[in-house]
Protein backbone atom coordinates (compact mmCIF):
# COMPACT_ATOMS: atom_id res chain seq x y z
CA UNK A 1 -19.08 -34.92 -19.30
CA UNK A 2 -19.43 -32.91 -20.98
CA UNK A 3 -16.00 -30.99 -22.63
CA UNK A 4 -17.43 -27.73 -21.22
CA UNK A 5 -18.07 -29.81 -17.48
CA UNK A 6 -15.21 -30.76 -18.05
CA UNK A 7 -13.72 -26.98 -18.95
CA UNK A 8 -15.13 -25.44 -15.11
CA UNK A 9 -14.26 -28.29 -13.31
CA UNK A 10 -10.46 -27.58 -14.12
CA UNK A 11 -11.04 -24.21 -13.26
CA UNK A 12 -12.42 -23.92 -10.80
CA UNK A 13 -9.59 -25.87 -9.28
CA UNK A 14 -6.41 -24.08 -10.23
CA UNK A 15 -8.57 -20.87 -8.76
CA UNK A 16 -9.28 -22.48 -5.62
CA UNK A 17 -6.22 -23.92 -5.67
CA UNK A 18 -4.31 -21.27 -7.23
CA UNK A 19 -5.85 -19.22 -4.10
CA UNK A 20 -4.80 -21.70 -1.73
CA UNK A 21 -0.96 -21.53 -2.40
CA UNK A 22 -1.61 -17.54 -2.78
CA UNK A 23 -3.06 -17.39 0.82
CA UNK A 24 -0.54 -19.25 2.49
CA UNK A 25 2.84 -18.10 0.89
CA UNK A 26 1.71 -14.13 1.93
CA UNK A 27 1.08 -16.13 5.29
CA UNK A 28 4.32 -17.50 5.06
CA UNK A 29 6.18 -14.20 4.12
CA UNK A 30 4.79 -12.09 6.51
CA UNK A 31 6.18 -13.71 9.66
CA UNK A 32 9.92 -12.74 10.38
CA UNK A 33 10.51 -15.09 12.99
CA UNK A 34 13.05 -14.97 15.59
CA UNK A 35 15.52 -17.92 16.84
CA UNK A 36 14.58 -18.07 21.16
CA UNK A 37 17.02 -19.96 22.39
CA UNK A 38 19.93 -16.54 22.43
CA UNK A 39 20.93 -17.71 18.95
CA UNK A 40 19.29 -16.09 16.88
CA UNK A 41 19.26 -12.23 15.98
CA UNK A 42 19.08 -9.88 19.16
CA UNK A 43 15.78 -7.66 18.64
CA UNK A 44 12.84 -9.23 19.17
CA UNK A 45 10.85 -9.50 15.44
CA UNK A 46 9.48 -6.84 14.23
CA UNK A 47 5.11 -7.56 13.43
CA UNK A 48 3.85 -8.60 10.62
CA UNK A 49 0.96 -6.31 7.95
CA UNK A 50 -1.94 -8.20 9.69
CA UNK A 51 -0.65 -9.11 13.09
CA UNK A 52 -2.20 -6.45 15.42
CA UNK A 53 0.11 -3.95 18.24
CA UNK A 54 0.29 -5.33 21.89
CA UNK A 55 -1.11 -2.85 23.74
């Protein structure tokens, strides 16, 4: 393979993996979890920005 092909492949994988990790981090940060067995917070969780409100 030529040098430009290797650089293109490395840049492409860097972009794809970076976008994957960014999306995963955003999804995990967006959820506000609570413990449903009664030991967690006294209030129910707030809906996430991406979650539709009920009703």
